[in-house]
PDB file of N, CA and C in Angstrom:
ATOM      1  N   GLY A   1      -7.787   3.924  -4.598  1.00  0.00           N
ATOM      2  CA  GLY A   1      -7.462   4.363  -3.447  1.00  0.00           C
ATOM      3  C   GLY A   1      -7.836   4.438  -2.625  1.00  0.00           C
ATOM      4  N   LEU A   2      -8.340   5.965  -2.923  1.00  0.00           N
ATOM      5  CA  LEU A   2      -9.108   6.728  -1.178  1.00  0.00           C
ATOM      6  C   LEU A   2      -9.716   5.871  -0.614  1.00  0.00           C
ATOM      7  N   ALA A   3     -10.746   5.640  -1.436  1.00  0.00           N
ATOM      8  CA  ALA A   3     -12.102   4.855  -0.946  1.00  0.00           C
ATOM      9  C   ALA A   3     -11.626   3.361  -0.309  1.00  0.00           C
ATOM     10  N   VAL A   4     -10.661   2.724  -1.192  1.00  0.00           N
ATOM     11  CA  VAL A   4      -9.653   1.659  -0.847  1.00  0.00           C
ATOM     12  C   VAL A   4      -9.152   2.031   1.222  1.00  0.00           C
ATOM     13  N   ALA A   5      -9.234   3.015   1.727  1.00  0.00           N
ATOM     14  CA  ALA A   5      -7.985   3.376   2.610  1.00  0.00           C
ATOM     15  C   ALA A   5      -9.087   4.032   3.257  1.00  0.00           C
ATOM     16  N   GLU A   6     -10.000   4.313   2.975  1.00  0.00           N
ATOM     17  CA  GLU A   6     -11.277   5.347   3.941  1.00  0.00           C
ATOM     18  C   GLU A   6     -12.178   3.484   4.335  1.00  0.00           C
ATOM     19  N   GLY A   7     -11.670   2.500   3.805  1.00  0.00           N
ATOM     20  CA  GLY A   7     -12.891   1.588   4.139  1.00  0.00           C
ATOM     21  C   GLY A   7     -11.750   0.699   5.062  1.00  0.00           C
ATOM     22  N   ALA A   8     -10.609   0.427   4.847  1.00  0.00           N
ATOM     23  CA  ALA A   8      -9.280  -0.127   5.851  1.00  0.00           C
ATOM     24  C   ALA A   8      -9.586   0.717   7.545  1.00  0.00           C
ATOM     25  N   LYS A   9      -9.695   2.134   7.153  1.00  0.00           N
ATOM     26  CA  LYS A   9      -9.641   3.064   8.440  1.00  0.00           C
ATOM     27  C   LYS A   9     -11.070   2.289   9.357  1.00  0.00           C
ATOM     28  N   ILE A  10     -11.872   1.856   8.418  1.00  0.00           N
ATOM     29  CA  ILE A  10     -13.429   2.046   8.948  1.00  0.00           C
ATOM     30  C   ILE A  10     -13.638   0.726   9.752  1.00  0.00           C
ATOM     31  N   ALA A  11     -13.231  -0.607   9.022  1.00  0.00           N
ATOM     32  CA  ALA A  11     -12.537  -1.881   8.980  1.00  0.00           C
ATOM     33  C   ALA A  11     -11.350  -1.779  10.559  1.00  0.00           C
ATOM     34  N   GLY A  12     -10.741  -0.839  10.803  1.00  0.00           N
ATOM     35  CA  GLY A  12     -10.087  -0.617  11.928  1.00  0.00           C
ATOM     36  C   GLY A  12      -8.877  -1.164  11.791  1.00  0.00           C
ATOM     37  N   ALA A  13      -8.386  -1.030  10.879  1.00  0.00           N
ATOM     38  CA  ALA A  13      -6.716  -1.077  10.506  1.00  0.00           C
ATOM     39  C   ALA A  13      -6.072  -0.417  10.949  1.00  0.00           C
ATOM     40  N   SER A  14      -5.097  -0.592  11.718  1.00  0.00           N
ATOM     41  CA  SER A  14      -4.212   0.151  12.377  1.00  0.00           C
ATOM     42  C   SER A  14      -3.146   1.139  11.998  1.00  0.00           C
ATOM     43  N   CYS A  15      -3.015   0.461  10.783  1.00  0.00           N
ATOM     44  CA  CYS A  15      -1.826   1.111   9.532  1.00  0.00           C
ATOM     45  C   CYS A  15      -2.419   0.734   7.905  1.00  0.00           C
ATOM     46  N   VAL A  16      -2.379   1.691   7.567  1.00  0.00           N
ATOM     47  CA  VAL A  16      -2.526   1.918   5.882  1.00  0.00           C
ATOM     48  C   VAL A  16      -1.690   3.311   5.647  1.00  0.00           C
ATOM     49  N   ILE A  17      -0.750   2.007   4.279  1.00  0.00           N
ATOM     50  CA  ILE A  17       0.445   2.844   3.922  1.00  0.00           C
ATOM     51  C   ILE A  17       0.034   2.732   2.226  1.00  0.00           C
ATOM     52  N   GLY A  18      -0.305   4.034   2.036  1.00  0.00           N
ATOM     53  CA  GLY A  18      -0.390   5.087   0.670  1.00  0.00           C
ATOM     54  C   GLY A  18       1.065   4.600  -0.161  1.00  0.00           C
ATOM     55  N   ILE A  19       0.625   4.366  -1.474  1.00  0.00           N
ATOM     56  CA  ILE A  19       1.452   4.353  -2.351  1.00  0.00           C
ATOM     57  C   ILE A  19       1.528   5.825  -3.592  1.00  0.00           C
ATOM     58  N   ASP A  20       2.223   6.724  -3.644  1.00  0.00           N
ATOM     59  CA  ASP A  20       2.144   7.117  -5.020  1.00  0.00           C
ATOM     60  C   ASP A  20       3.711   7.550  -4.959  1.00  0.00           C
ATOM     61  N   ILE A  21       3.755   8.197  -6.734  1.00  0.00           N
ATOM     62  CA  ILE A  21       4.816   9.097  -7.180  1.00  0.00           C
ATOM     63  C   ILE A  21       4.744  10.134  -6.737  1.00  0.00           C
ATOM     64  N   ASP A  22       3.799  10.946  -6.593  1.00  0.00           N
ATOM     65  CA  ASP A  22       3.201  12.458  -6.006  1.00  0.00           C
ATOM     66  C   ASP A  22       3.034  12.534  -4.396  1.00  0.00           C
ATOM     67  N   SER A  23       4.339  12.681  -3.542  1.00  0.00           N
ATOM     68  CA  SER A  23       4.530  12.975  -2.250  1.00  0.00           C
ATOM     69  C   SER A  23       3.803  14.187  -1.684  1.00  0.00           C
ATOM     70  N   LYS A  24       3.169  15.040  -2.296  1.00  0.00           N
ATOM     71  CA  LYS A  24       2.169  16.134  -2.215  1.00  0.00           C
ATOM     72  C   LYS A  24       0.747  15.324  -1.781  1.00  0.00           C
ATOM     73  N   LYS A  25       1.034  14.124  -2.226  1.00  0.00           N
ATOM     74  CA  LYS A  25      -0.797  13.844  -1.648  1.00  0.00           C
ATOM     75  C   LYS A  25      -0.946  13.320  -0.600  1.00  0.00           C
ATOM     76  N   PHE A  26       0.399  13.172   0.428  1.00  0.00           N
ATOM     77  CA  PHE A  26       0.102  12.324   1.462  1.00  0.00           C
ATOM     78  C   PHE A  26      -0.914  12.976   2.821  1.00  0.00           C
ATOM     79  N   GLU A  27      -1.002  14.524   2.214  1.00  0.00           N
ATOM     80  CA  GLU A  27      -1.068  15.450   3.254  1.00  0.00           C
ATOM     81  C   GLU A  27      -3.073  15.010   2.932  1.00  0.00           C
ATOM     82  N   THR A  28      -2.898  15.247   1.641  1.00  0.00           N
ATOM     83  CA  THR A  28      -4.967  15.279   1.406  1.00  0.00           C
ATOM     84  C   THR A  28      -5.259  13.613   1.984  1.00  0.00           C
ATOM     85  N   THR A  29      -4.252  12.547   1.628  1.00  0.00           N
ATOM     86  CA  THR A  29      -4.841  10.793   2.075  1.00  0.00           C
ATOM     87  C   THR A  29      -5.219  10.953   3.963  1.00  0.00           C
ATOM     88  N   LYS A  30      -4.570  11.276   4.221  1.00  0.00           N
ATOM     89  CA  LYS A  30      -4.712  11.340   5.722  1.00  0.00           C
ATOM     90  C   LYS A  30      -5.746  11.595   6.396  1.00  0.00           C
ATOM     91  N   ASP A  31      -7.243  12.350   5.488  1.00  0.00           N
ATOM     92  CA  ASP A  31      -7.822  12.526   5.694  1.00  0.00           C
ATOM     93  C   ASP A  31      -8.595  10.885   5.457  1.00  0.00           C
ATOM     94  N   PHE A  32      -8.734  10.570   4.746  1.00  0.00           N
ATOM     95  CA  PHE A  32      -8.880   8.913   4.139  1.00  0.00           C
ATOM     96  C   PHE A  32      -8.578   7.324   5.087  1.00  0.00           C
ATOM     97  N   GLY A  33      -7.521   8.295   5.982  1.00  0.00           N
ATOM     98  CA  GLY A  33      -6.771   7.362   6.822  1.00  0.00           C
ATOM     99  C   GLY A  33      -5.457   6.093   6.695  1.00  0.00           C
ATOM    100  N   VAL A  34      -5.061   6.794   5.452  1.00  0.00           N
ATOM    101  CA  VAL A  34      -3.604   7.123   5.255  1.00  0.00           C
ATOM    102  C   VAL A  34      -2.981   7.466   6.603  1.00  0.00           C
ATOM    103  N   THR A  35      -2.189   6.057   7.366  1.00  0.00           N
ATOM    104  CA  THR A  35      -1.143   6.690   8.107  1.00  0.00           C
ATOM    105  C   THR A  35       0.098   6.959   7.639  1.00  0.00           C
ATOM    106  N   GLU A  36       0.767   6.130   6.882  1.00  0.00           N
ATOM    107  CA  GLU A  36       1.849   5.961   6.457  1.00  0.00           C
ATOM    108  C   GLU A  36       2.018   6.178   4.523  1.00  0.00           C
ATOM    109  N   PHE A  37       3.125   6.460   4.098  1.00  0.00           N
ATOM    110  CA  PHE A  37       2.776   7.328   2.738  1.00  0.00           C
ATOM    111  C   PHE A  37       4.164   6.854   2.414  1.00  0.00           C
ATOM    112  N   VAL A  38       4.444   5.565   1.110  1.00  0.00           N
ATOM    113  CA  VAL A  38       5.636   5.766   0.883  1.00  0.00           C
ATOM    114  C   VAL A  38       5.976   6.105  -1.043  1.00  0.00           C
ATOM    115  N   ASN A  39       6.529   7.235  -1.118  1.00  0.00           N
ATOM    116  CA  ASN A  39       6.930   7.536  -2.864  1.00  0.00           C
ATOM    117  C   ASN A  39       7.673   6.501  -3.039  1.00  0.00           C
ATOM    118  N   PRO A  40       7.755   5.398  -4.038  1.00  0.00           N
ATOM    119  CA  PRO A  40       8.254   4.746  -4.570  1.00  0.00           C
ATOM    120  C   PRO A  40       9.836   5.285  -5.363  1.00  0.00           C
ATOM    121  N   LYS A  41       9.662   7.056  -5.744  1.00  0.00           N
ATOM    122  CA  LYS A  41      10.817   7.212  -6.354  1.00  0.00           C
ATOM    123  C   LYS A  41      11.712   7.823  -5.436  1.00  0.00           C
ATOM    124  N   ASP A  42      11.604   7.380  -4.162  1.00  0.00           N
ATOM    125  CA  ASP A  42      12.277   7.806  -3.027  1.00  0.00           C
ATOM    126  C   ASP A  42      12.845   6.401  -2.424  1.00  0.00           C
ATOM    127  N   HIS A  43      13.206   5.394  -3.184  1.00  0.00           N
ATOM    128  CA  HIS A  43      13.733   4.394  -2.749  1.00  0.00           C
ATOM    129  C   HIS A  43      14.229   3.652  -3.699  1.00  0.00           C
ATOM    130  N   ASP A  44      15.331   2.761  -3.464  1.00  0.00           N
ATOM    131  CA  ASP A  44      16.488   1.985  -4.743  1.00  0.00           C
ATOM    132  C   ASP A  44      15.792   0.650  -5.080  1.00  0.00           C
ATOM    133  N   LYS A  45      14.993   0.676  -4.069  1.00  0.00           N
ATOM    134  CA  LYS A  45      14.390  -1.095  -3.798  1.00  0.00           C
ATOM    135  C   LYS A  45      13.187  -1.332  -4.342  1.00  0.00           C
ATOM    136  N   PRO A  46      12.838  -2.055  -5.361  1.00  0.00           N
ATOM    137  CA  PRO A  46      11.757  -2.148  -5.648  1.00  0.00           C
ATOM    138  C   PRO A  46      10.775  -1.856  -4.632  1.00  0.00           C
ATOM    139  N   ILE A  47       9.265  -1.327  -4.971  1.00  0.00           N
ATOM    140  CA  ILE A  47       8.128  -1.439  -3.755  1.00  0.00           C
ATOM    141  C   ILE A  47       7.655  -2.178  -3.114  1.00  0.00           C
ATOM    142  N   GLN A  48       7.518  -3.825  -3.501  1.00  0.00           N
ATOM    143  CA  GLN A  48       7.294  -4.237  -2.926  1.00  0.00           C
ATOM    144  C   GLN A  48       8.236  -5.161  -1.667  1.00  0.00           C
ATOM    145  N   GLN A  49       9.904  -5.133  -2.211  1.00  0.00           N
ATOM    146  CA  GLN A  49      10.707  -4.706  -1.199  1.00  0.00           C
ATOM    147  C   GLN A  49      10.486  -3.882   0.223  1.00  0.00           C
ATOM    148  N   VAL A  50      10.402  -2.676   0.176  1.00  0.00           N
ATOM    149  CA  VAL A  50      10.512  -1.844   0.840  1.00  0.00           C
ATOM    150  C   VAL A  50       9.057  -2.131   1.610  1.00  0.00           C
ATOM    151  N   LEU A  51       7.643  -2.020   1.234  1.00  0.00           N
ATOM    152  CA  LEU A  51       6.824  -2.777   2.102  1.00  0.00           C
ATOM    153  C   LEU A  51       7.027  -3.913   2.716  1.00  0.00           C
ATOM    154  N   VAL A  52       7.688  -4.858   2.755  1.00  0.00           N
ATOM    155  CA  VAL A  52       7.775  -6.297   2.583  1.00  0.00           C
ATOM    156  C   VAL A  52       8.843  -5.849   3.803  1.00  0.00           C
ATOM    157  N   ASP A  53       9.485  -4.806   4.087  1.00  0.00           N
ATOM    158  CA  ASP A  53      10.678  -4.695   5.192  1.00  0.00           C
ATOM    159  C   ASP A  53       9.736  -3.882   5.886  1.00  0.00           C
ATOM    160  N   MET A  54       9.791  -2.442   5.416  1.00  0.00           N
ATOM    161  CA  MET A  54       8.715  -1.317   6.796  1.00  0.00           C
ATOM    162  C   MET A  54       7.363  -3.077   7.594  1.00  0.00           C
ATOM    163  N   THR A  55       6.956  -3.409   7.516  1.00  0.00           N
ATOM    164  CA  THR A  55       6.364  -4.134   7.723  1.00  0.00           C
ATOM    165  C   THR A  55       6.733  -5.512   8.165  1.00  0.00           C
ATOM    166  N   ASP A  56       8.351  -5.711   8.294  1.00  0.00           N
ATOM    167  CA  ASP A  56       8.787  -7.506   8.964  1.00  0.00           C
ATOM    168  C   ASP A  56       8.175  -8.546   8.235  1.00  0.00           C
ATOM    169  N   GLY A  57       8.192  -8.570   7.431  1.00  0.00           N
ATOM    170  CA  GLY A  57       8.041  -9.765   6.442  1.00  0.00           C
ATOM    171  C   GLY A  57       6.855  -9.729   5.119  1.00  0.00           C
ATOM    172  N   GLY A  58       5.782  -8.740   5.193  1.00  0.00           N
ATOM    173  CA  GLY A  58       5.093  -8.201   4.474  1.00  0.00           C
ATOM    174  C   GLY A  58       3.372  -7.775   4.616  1.00  0.00           C
ATOM    175  N   VAL A  59       2.090  -7.161   3.777  1.00  0.00           N
ATOM    176  CA  VAL A  59       1.682  -6.513   4.168  1.00  0.00           C
ATOM    177  C   VAL A  59       0.122  -8.137   4.588  1.00  0.00           C
ATOM    178  N   ASP A  60      -1.035  -7.619   5.357  1.00  0.00           N
ATOM    179  CA  ASP A  60      -1.864  -8.733   5.687  1.00  0.00           C
ATOM    180  C   ASP A  60      -2.831  -8.190   4.191  1.00  0.00           C
ATOM    181  N   TYR A  61      -2.748  -6.977   3.790  1.00  0.00           N
ATOM    182  CA  TYR A  61      -3.670  -7.200   2.933  1.00  0.00           C
ATOM    183  C   TYR A  61      -3.309  -5.790   1.903  1.00  0.00           C
ATOM    184  N   SER A  62      -3.391  -5.745   0.651  1.00  0.00           N
ATOM    185  CA  SER A  62      -3.056  -5.264  -0.233  1.00  0.00           C
ATOM    186  C   SER A  62      -4.469  -4.295  -1.227  1.00  0.00           C
ATOM    187  N   PHE A  63      -3.925  -3.490  -1.687  1.00  0.00           N
ATOM    188  CA  PHE A  63      -5.128  -3.286  -2.958  1.00  0.00           C
ATOM    189  C   PHE A  63      -4.948  -2.398  -3.826  1.00  0.00           C
ATOM    190  N   GLU A  64      -4.428  -2.902  -5.256  1.00  0.00           N
ATOM    191  CA  GLU A  64      -4.002  -2.458  -6.259  1.00  0.00           C
ATOM    192  C   GLU A  64      -5.573  -1.831  -7.065  1.00  0.00           C
ATOM    193  N   CYS A  65      -5.114  -0.464  -7.048  1.00  0.00           N
ATOM    194  CA  CYS A  65      -6.401   0.663  -7.658  1.00  0.00           C
ATOM    195  C   CYS A  65      -6.264   1.285  -8.717  1.00  0.00           C
ATOM    196  N   ILE A  66      -5.068   0.888  -9.662  1.00  0.00           N
ATOM    197  CA  ILE A  66      -4.882   1.493 -11.143  1.00  0.00           C
ATOM    198  C   ILE A  66      -4.963   0.680 -12.375  1.00  0.00           C
ATOM    199  N   GLY A  67      -4.751  -0.609 -12.476  1.00  0.00           N
ATOM    200  CA  GLY A  67      -5.495  -1.051 -13.568  1.00  0.00           C
ATOM    201  C   GLY A  67      -3.396  -1.856 -14.459  1.00  0.00           C
ATOM    202  N   ASN A  68      -2.383  -1.781 -13.136  1.00  0.00           N
ATOM    203  CA  ASN A  68      -0.949  -1.422 -13.946  1.00  0.00           C
ATOM    204  C   ASN A  68      -1.005  -3.253 -13.011  1.00  0.00           C
ATOM    205  N   VAL A  69      -0.168  -3.837 -14.093  1.00  0.00           N
ATOM    206  CA  VAL A  69       0.017  -4.969 -14.609  1.00  0.00           C
ATOM    207  C   VAL A  69       1.192  -4.980 -13.524  1.00  0.00           C
ATOM    208  N   SER A  70       2.107  -4.183 -14.044  1.00  0.00           N
ATOM    209  CA  SER A  70       3.393  -4.467 -13.229  1.00  0.00           C
ATOM    210  C   SER A  70       3.539  -4.395 -11.472  1.00  0.00           C
ATOM    211  N   ILE A  71       1.883  -3.341 -11.585  1.00  0.00           N
ATOM    212  CA  ILE A  71       1.906  -2.660  -9.910  1.00  0.00           C
ATOM    213  C   ILE A  71       1.412  -4.412  -9.342  1.00  0.00           C
ATOM    214  N   MET A  72       0.427  -4.921 -10.265  1.00  0.00           N
ATOM    215  CA  MET A  72      -0.814  -5.649  -9.443  1.00  0.00           C
ATOM    216  C   MET A  72       0.432  -6.847  -9.269  1.00  0.00           C
ATOM    217  N   ARG A  73       1.541  -7.669  -9.659  1.00  0.00           N
ATOM    218  CA  ARG A  73       2.953  -8.027  -9.288  1.00  0.00           C
ATOM    219  C   ARG A  73       2.973  -7.953  -8.151  1.00  0.00           C
ATOM    220  N   ALA A  74       3.334  -6.232  -7.806  1.00  0.00           N
ATOM    221  CA  ALA A  74       4.308  -6.171  -7.290  1.00  0.00           C
ATOM    222  C   ALA A  74       3.174  -6.355  -5.742  1.00  0.00           C
ATOM    223  N   ALA A  75       2.041  -6.026  -5.982  1.00  0.00           N
ATOM    224  CA  ALA A  75       1.379  -6.073  -4.690  1.00  0.00           C
ATOM    225  C   ALA A  75       0.700  -7.566  -4.276  1.00  0.00           C
ATOM    226  N   LEU A  76       1.152  -8.388  -5.186  1.00  0.00           N
ATOM    227  CA  LEU A  76       0.831  -9.485  -4.515  1.00  0.00           C
ATOM    228  C   LEU A  76       2.199  -9.635  -3.861  1.00  0.00           C
ATOM    229  N   GLU A  77       3.276  -9.455  -4.297  1.00  0.00           N
ATOM    230  CA  GLU A  77       4.871  -9.878  -4.117  1.00  0.00           C
ATOM    231  C   GLU A  77       4.494  -8.902  -2.181  1.00  0.00           C
ATOM    232  N   CYS A  78       4.292  -8.062  -2.174  1.00  0.00           N
ATOM    233  CA  CYS A  78       4.199  -7.291  -1.232  1.00  0.00           C
ATOM    234  C   CYS A  78       3.511  -7.935   0.033  1.00  0.00           C
ATOM    235  N   CYS A  79       2.525  -8.879  -0.277  1.00  0.00           N
ATOM    236  CA  CYS A  79       1.687  -9.308   1.255  1.00  0.00           C
ATOM    237  C   CYS A  79       2.516 -10.578   1.854  1.00  0.00           C
ATOM    238  N   HIS A  80       2.373 -10.805   3.138  1.00  0.00           N
ATOM    239  CA  HIS A  80       2.722 -11.738   4.214  1.00  0.00           C
ATOM    240  C   HIS A  80       2.618 -12.688   3.389  1.00  0.00           C
ATOM    241  N   LYS A  81       3.824 -13.691   3.284  1.00  0.00           N
ATOM    242  CA  LYS A  81       3.853 -15.172   2.728  1.00  0.00           C
ATOM    243  C   LYS A  81       2.946 -16.406   3.763  1.00  0.00           C
ATOM    244  N   GLY A  82       1.902 -16.709   2.902  1.00  0.00           N
ATOM    245  CA  GLY A  82       0.979 -17.866   3.717  1.00  0.00           C
ATOM    246  C   GLY A  82       0.334 -16.979   3.972  1.00  0.00           C
ATOM    247  N   ARG A  83      -0.200 -16.117   4.842  1.00  0.00           N
ATOM    248  CA  ARG A  83      -1.327 -14.931   4.959  1.00  0.00           C
ATOM    249  C   ARG A  83      -2.075 -14.161   4.714  1.00  0.00           C
ATOM    250  N   GLY A  84      -1.147 -13.676   3.249  1.00  0.00           N
ATOM    251  CA  GLY A  84      -1.633 -12.060   3.285  1.00  0.00           C
ATOM    252  C   GLY A  84      -2.479 -12.228   1.813  1.00  0.00           C
ATOM    253  N   THR A  85      -3.208 -11.100   1.976  1.00  0.00           N
ATOM    254  CA  THR A  85      -4.524 -11.265   0.496  1.00  0.00           C
ATOM    255  C   THR A  85      -4.044 -10.207  -0.240  1.00  0.00           C
ATOM    256  N   SER A  86      -3.708 -10.277  -2.013  1.00  0.00           N
ATOM    257  CA  SER A  86      -3.821  -9.196  -2.392  1.00  0.00           C
ATOM    258  C   SER A  86      -5.397  -8.615  -2.955  1.00  0.00           C
ATOM    259  N   VAL A  87      -5.671  -7.963  -3.392  1.00  0.00           N
ATOM    260  CA  VAL A  87      -7.295  -7.513  -4.076  1.00  0.00           C
ATOM    261  C   VAL A  87      -6.713  -6.582  -5.037  1.00  0.00           C
ATOM    262  N   ILE A  88      -7.369  -7.246  -6.520  1.00  0.00           N
ATOM    263  CA  ILE A  88      -6.818  -6.084  -7.264  1.00  0.00           C
ATOM    264  C   ILE A  88      -8.787  -4.420  -7.340  1.00  0.00           C
ATOM    265  N   VAL A  89      -8.796  -3.988  -7.877  1.00  0.00           N
ATOM    266  CA  VAL A  89     -10.060  -3.213  -7.755  1.00  0.00           C
ATOM    267  C   VAL A  89     -10.212  -3.188  -9.373  1.00  0.00           C
TER     268      VAL A  89
END
């Protein structure tokens, strides 16, 4: 996940959202280009809806890096409809 964040930063992404259930990781992720951090446990809505709401319609790119099928689905569902791209690493 951190390699993806760093790659997005190098590619010029202005917003890189990191997601983890351990909020203590946010400080470390900043060094790799993460600009915003979301802990799914801090929200009542599904994480994909949180991301759609925070990005005004969905993300341009999502990367799923942990191999969890339900997270793969969430990564797809948080993409902007019609132009978002989801990548499973």
